[in-house]
Amino acid sequence: PPEPPEQLLAGPVASVLGASASAAKALLRSLWEGDVEEAEIEDKAFSDCRYLSCKNVGLSLRLRPPGDMGRVDVAFLYGEGADGYSAYSAGPLPAGLAWGDRSRGVVLRLGEPSDKFGGGRIPTGIAYETLGLDVHFQNCSWEDASNPIKFLSLYVAVDQSLGMCAKCAKQAKFRCSQCRRCSYCSSACQKEDWARHKEACASLSACTSMAPARSA
């Protein structure tokens, strides 16, 4: 498989993950091609998150939690016309991608994804969790090798050292909080695996608690 890009984020969005709401708004205003005071920034809050978006810039930022303490955890870069956005062009796209790339070309460039989603009546998409990148396509068929990119999601990359999910073998995102040995990709997989894991978990937790602390 191809080597992963050394730097996924570049340009104005390189340091946006983890930014506060005020810093996120300042970034959107700085990318606005016009009077900064007239920058059209949409601010939508939901029960669990908040979105700051500027359609003319082609960029939307999700913050969690939705209040004043929220931080950017996902940046969405849009292609031309996607959901009414202009194409993001303020800097290079991540991983050397271009808006003209198609689904087959993305996989050839980045290798097999860690996860896939969509299909049927829902547009397809692929995830590269160890890169912190999801690629969302326009069309719904997995048979479409020329599916255009609709938008990109950028987030903090998953730690490869977590290994594979003990239930489904996808890239894991966290470890069992009790034994710290078994890894999972989601809380759903963790719950489904509990009947199998609970006995081993108790033993592993006991071993961990009895292990001598390392000297500094």
Protein backbone atom coordinates (compact mmCIF):
# COMPACT_ATOMS: atom_id res chain seq x y z
CA PRO A 1 0.00 0.00 0.00
CA PRO A 2 1.15 3.61 -0.54
CA GLU A 3 2.89 5.47 2.27
CA PRO A 4 0.53 7.81 4.20
CA PRO A 5 1.14 11.52 3.59
CA GLU A 6 3.50 13.04 6.14
CA GLN A 7 1.34 16.14 6.60
CA LEU A 8 -2.39 15.84 6.20
CA LEU A 9 -3.38 19.43 6.96
CA ALA A 10 -1.82 22.44 5.34
CA GLY A 11 -2.70 26.06 4.67
CA PRO A 12 -5.16 28.06 6.80
CA VAL A 13 -6.86 24.99 8.33
CA ALA A 14 -3.61 23.36 9.48
CA SER A 15 -4.15 24.31 13.13
CA VAL A 16 -7.93 24.69 13.32
CA LEU A 17 -8.62 21.42 15.18
CA GLY A 18 -8.94 22.21 18.86
CA ALA A 19 -9.57 25.92 18.21
CA SER A 20 -12.09 27.89 20.26
CA ALA A 21 -15.25 29.40 18.79
CA SER A 22 -13.68 32.86 18.63
CA ALA A 23 -10.60 31.51 16.85
CA ALA A 24 -12.81 29.53 14.45
CA LYS A 25 -14.82 32.65 13.59
CA ALA A 26 -11.63 34.63 13.10
CA LEU A 27 -10.38 31.99 10.65
CA LEU A 28 -13.60 32.06 8.63
CA ARG A 29 -13.50 35.88 8.48
CA SER A 30 -9.85 35.83 7.39
CA LEU A 31 -10.75 33.59 4.43
CA TRP A 32 -13.70 35.77 3.38
CA GLU A 33 -12.96 37.56 0.09
CA GLY A 34 -14.62 40.83 0.94
CA ASP A 35 -15.32 43.19 3.80
CA VAL A 36 -14.58 41.24 6.99
CA GLU A 37 -17.47 42.95 8.76
CA GLU A 38 -19.86 41.53 6.15
CA ALA A 39 -18.63 37.95 6.36
CA GLU A 40 -21.66 35.64 6.24
CA ILE A 41 -20.95 33.18 9.03
CA GLU A 42 -23.74 30.78 9.95
CA ASP A 43 -23.84 29.78 13.61
CA LYS A 44 -26.08 26.79 14.38
CA ALA A 45 -26.21 25.14 17.81
CA PHE A 46 -27.65 21.72 18.60
CA SER A 47 -27.93 19.72 21.82
CA ASP A 48 -24.51 18.12 21.45
CA CYS A 49 -22.56 20.33 19.04
CA ARG A 50 -22.32 23.63 17.19
CA TYR A 51 -21.49 24.48 13.57
CA LEU A 52 -19.77 27.64 12.33
CA SER A 53 -19.94 27.80 8.54
CA CYS A 54 -19.15 30.14 5.68
CA LYS A 55 -20.56 28.83 2.39
CA ASN A 56 -18.64 31.27 0.19
CA VAL A 57 -15.39 29.97 1.72
CA GLY A 58 -16.39 26.29 1.40
CA LEU A 59 -15.66 25.57 5.05
CA SER A 60 -17.72 24.43 8.04
CA LEU A 61 -16.35 23.79 11.54
CA ARG A 62 -18.00 21.60 14.18
CA LEU A 63 -17.43 22.38 17.84
CA ARG A 64 -18.12 20.25 20.90
CA PRO A 65 -19.64 20.92 23.37
CA PRO A 66 -21.98 23.53 21.84
CA GLY A 67 -21.43 26.24 24.48
CA ASP A 68 -18.66 28.77 24.97
CA MET A 69 -16.23 26.03 26.03
CA GLY A 70 -16.58 24.19 22.72
CA ARG A 71 -13.57 23.34 20.57
CA VAL A 72 -13.34 22.43 16.89
CA ASP A 73 -13.28 18.65 16.51
CA VAL A 74 -14.12 18.35 12.79
CA ALA A 75 -13.46 20.60 9.80
CA PHE A 76 -15.57 20.07 6.66
CA LEU A 77 -14.10 21.17 3.32
CA TYR A 78 -16.69 21.37 0.53
CA GLY A 79 -16.52 20.96 -3.23
CA GLU A 80 -18.25 23.36 -5.62
CA GLY A 81 -22.03 23.32 -5.26
CA ALA A 82 -22.11 20.75 -2.44
CA ASP A 83 -25.01 21.73 -0.17
CA GLY A 84 -24.82 25.27 -1.53
CA TYR A 85 -21.13 25.78 -0.73
CA SER A 86 -18.44 27.22 -2.96
CA ALA A 87 -15.36 25.03 -3.38
CA TYR A 88 -12.79 25.34 -0.63
CA SER A 89 -9.73 26.88 -2.27
CA ALA A 90 -7.98 28.77 0.52
CA GLY A 91 -5.23 26.15 0.69
CA PRO A 92 -4.22 22.70 -0.56
CA LEU A 93 -6.57 19.81 0.11
CA PRO A 94 -5.34 17.17 2.57
CA ALA A 95 -3.32 14.14 1.48
CA GLY A 96 -2.63 15.68 -1.93
CA LEU A 97 -6.25 15.27 -3.04
CA ALA A 98 -7.94 17.52 -5.61
CA TRP A 99 -11.62 18.30 -6.19
CA GLY A 100 -11.38 16.62 -9.58
CA ASP A 101 -10.37 13.26 -8.06
CA ARG A 102 -12.75 10.30 -8.30
CA SER A 103 -13.36 7.43 -5.88
CA ARG A 104 -11.05 4.94 -7.58
CA GLY A 105 -8.23 7.49 -7.71
CA VAL A 106 -8.61 8.27 -4.01
CA VAL A 107 -8.20 4.61 -3.06
CA LEU A 108 -5.24 4.19 -5.40
CA ARG A 109 -3.58 7.16 -3.77
CA LEU A 110 -4.38 6.51 -0.11
CA GLY A 111 -4.82 2.73 -0.03
CA GLU A 112 -7.72 0.71 1.33
CA PRO A 113 -9.86 2.68 3.82
CA SER A 114 -10.33 1.66 7.45
CA ASP A 115 -14.11 1.98 7.11
CA LYS A 116 -16.86 2.53 4.54
CA PHE A 117 -20.30 4.09 4.94
CA GLY A 118 -23.37 4.94 2.85
CA GLY A 119 -24.71 3.13 -0.18
CA GLY A 120 -28.28 2.38 -1.20
CA ARG A 121 -30.02 5.74 -0.99
CA ILE A 122 -27.18 7.39 0.90
CA PRO A 123 -24.07 8.83 -0.80
CA THR A 124 -21.01 6.66 -0.20
CA GLY A 125 -17.95 7.61 1.79
CA ILE A 126 -14.71 6.11 3.02
CA ALA A 127 -12.71 6.70 6.19
CA TYR A 128 -8.98 6.84 6.80
CA GLU A 129 -9.12 7.05 10.59
CA THR A 130 -5.37 6.82 11.15
CA LEU A 131 -5.02 9.89 8.89
CA GLY A 132 -7.99 11.75 10.42
CA LEU A 133 -9.75 11.95 7.04
CA ASP A 134 -13.16 10.94 5.68
CA VAL A 135 -13.89 11.32 1.97
CA HIS A 136 -17.58 11.81 1.11
CA PHE A 137 -18.68 11.16 -2.47
CA GLN A 138 -21.62 12.54 -4.45
CA ASN A 139 -23.31 9.35 -5.61
CA CYS A 140 -24.77 6.34 -3.79
CA SER A 141 -23.41 3.33 -5.69
CA TRP A 142 -20.33 1.39 -4.60
CA GLU A 143 -20.02 0.23 -8.20
CA ASP A 144 -19.30 3.79 -9.36
CA ALA A 145 -15.51 3.97 -9.65
CA SER A 146 -15.74 7.54 -10.96
CA ASN A 147 -17.74 8.93 -8.04
CA PRO A 148 -16.78 12.62 -7.55
CA ILE A 149 -15.75 13.98 -4.16
CA LYS A 150 -18.51 16.00 -2.48
CA PHE A 151 -16.72 17.07 0.71
CA LEU A 152 -13.96 16.06 3.12
CA SER A 153 -14.05 15.66 6.91
CA LEU A 154 -10.87 16.31 8.89
CA TYR A 155 -10.47 15.27 12.53
CA VAL A 156 -7.82 14.12 14.98
CA ALA A 157 -6.24 10.93 13.66
CA VAL A 158 -6.82 7.65 15.51
CA ASP A 159 -3.78 6.26 17.30
CA GLN A 160 -2.56 3.23 15.32
CA SER A 161 -1.16 1.66 18.49
CA LEU A 162 -4.74 0.86 19.58
CA GLY A 163 -4.82 -1.89 16.97
CA MET A 164 -8.01 -3.54 15.73
CA CYS A 165 -11.46 -3.74 17.28
CA ALA A 166 -11.86 -7.01 19.22
CA LYS A 167 -15.40 -7.41 17.83
CA CYS A 168 -15.33 -6.39 14.15
CA ALA A 169 -11.59 -5.97 13.35
CA LYS A 170 -11.94 -2.35 12.21
CA GLN A 171 -9.45 0.25 13.41
CA ALA A 172 -9.95 0.65 17.15
CA LYS A 173 -10.58 4.06 18.71
CA PHE A 174 -10.34 3.34 22.44
CA ARG A 175 -9.51 0.68 25.01
CA CYS A 176 -11.67 -0.93 27.66
CA SER A 177 -11.54 1.49 30.61
CA GLN A 178 -11.27 -1.37 33.15
CA CYS A 179 -8.55 -3.67 31.83
CA ARG A 180 -6.92 -1.23 29.34
CA ARG A 181 -6.02 -4.23 27.15
CA CYS A 182 -8.98 -4.85 24.82
CA SER A 183 -9.67 -2.27 22.08
CA TYR A 184 -12.89 -1.31 20.29
CA CYS A 185 -14.02 0.89 17.42
CA SER A 186 -17.34 1.89 19.03
CA SER A 187 -19.42 1.55 22.20
CA ALA A 188 -21.81 -0.70 20.23
CA CYS A 189 -19.04 -3.23 19.53
CA GLN A 190 -17.89 -3.03 23.13
CA LYS A 191 -21.40 -3.84 24.42
CA GLU A 192 -21.83 -6.72 21.97
CA ASP A 193 -18.48 -8.18 23.03
CA TRP A 194 -19.03 -7.86 26.79
CA ALA A 195 -20.42 -11.36 27.27
CA ARG A 196 -17.20 -12.77 25.86
CA HIS A 197 -14.83 -10.23 27.37
CA LYS A 198 -16.14 -9.79 30.94
CA GLU A 199 -14.37 -12.81 32.47
CA ALA A 200 -11.03 -11.98 30.87
CA CYS A 201 -11.56 -8.32 31.74
CA ALA A 202 -11.82 -9.11 35.45
CA SER A 203 -8.60 -11.14 35.37
CA LEU A 204 -6.72 -8.55 33.33
CA SER A 205 -7.95 -5.74 35.59
CA ALA A 206 -6.71 -7.62 38.65
CA CYS A 207 -3.30 -8.18 37.08
CA THR A 208 -3.05 -4.53 36.13
CA SER A 209 -3.94 -3.36 39.66
CA MET A 210 -1.32 -5.69 41.21
CA ALA A 211 1.45 -4.68 38.80
CA PRO A 212 4.23 -2.67 40.53
CA ALA A 213 4.41 0.99 39.56
CA ARG A 214 7.31 1.97 37.34
CA SER A 215 9.92 4.16 38.93
CA ALA A 216 10.31 7.64 37.45
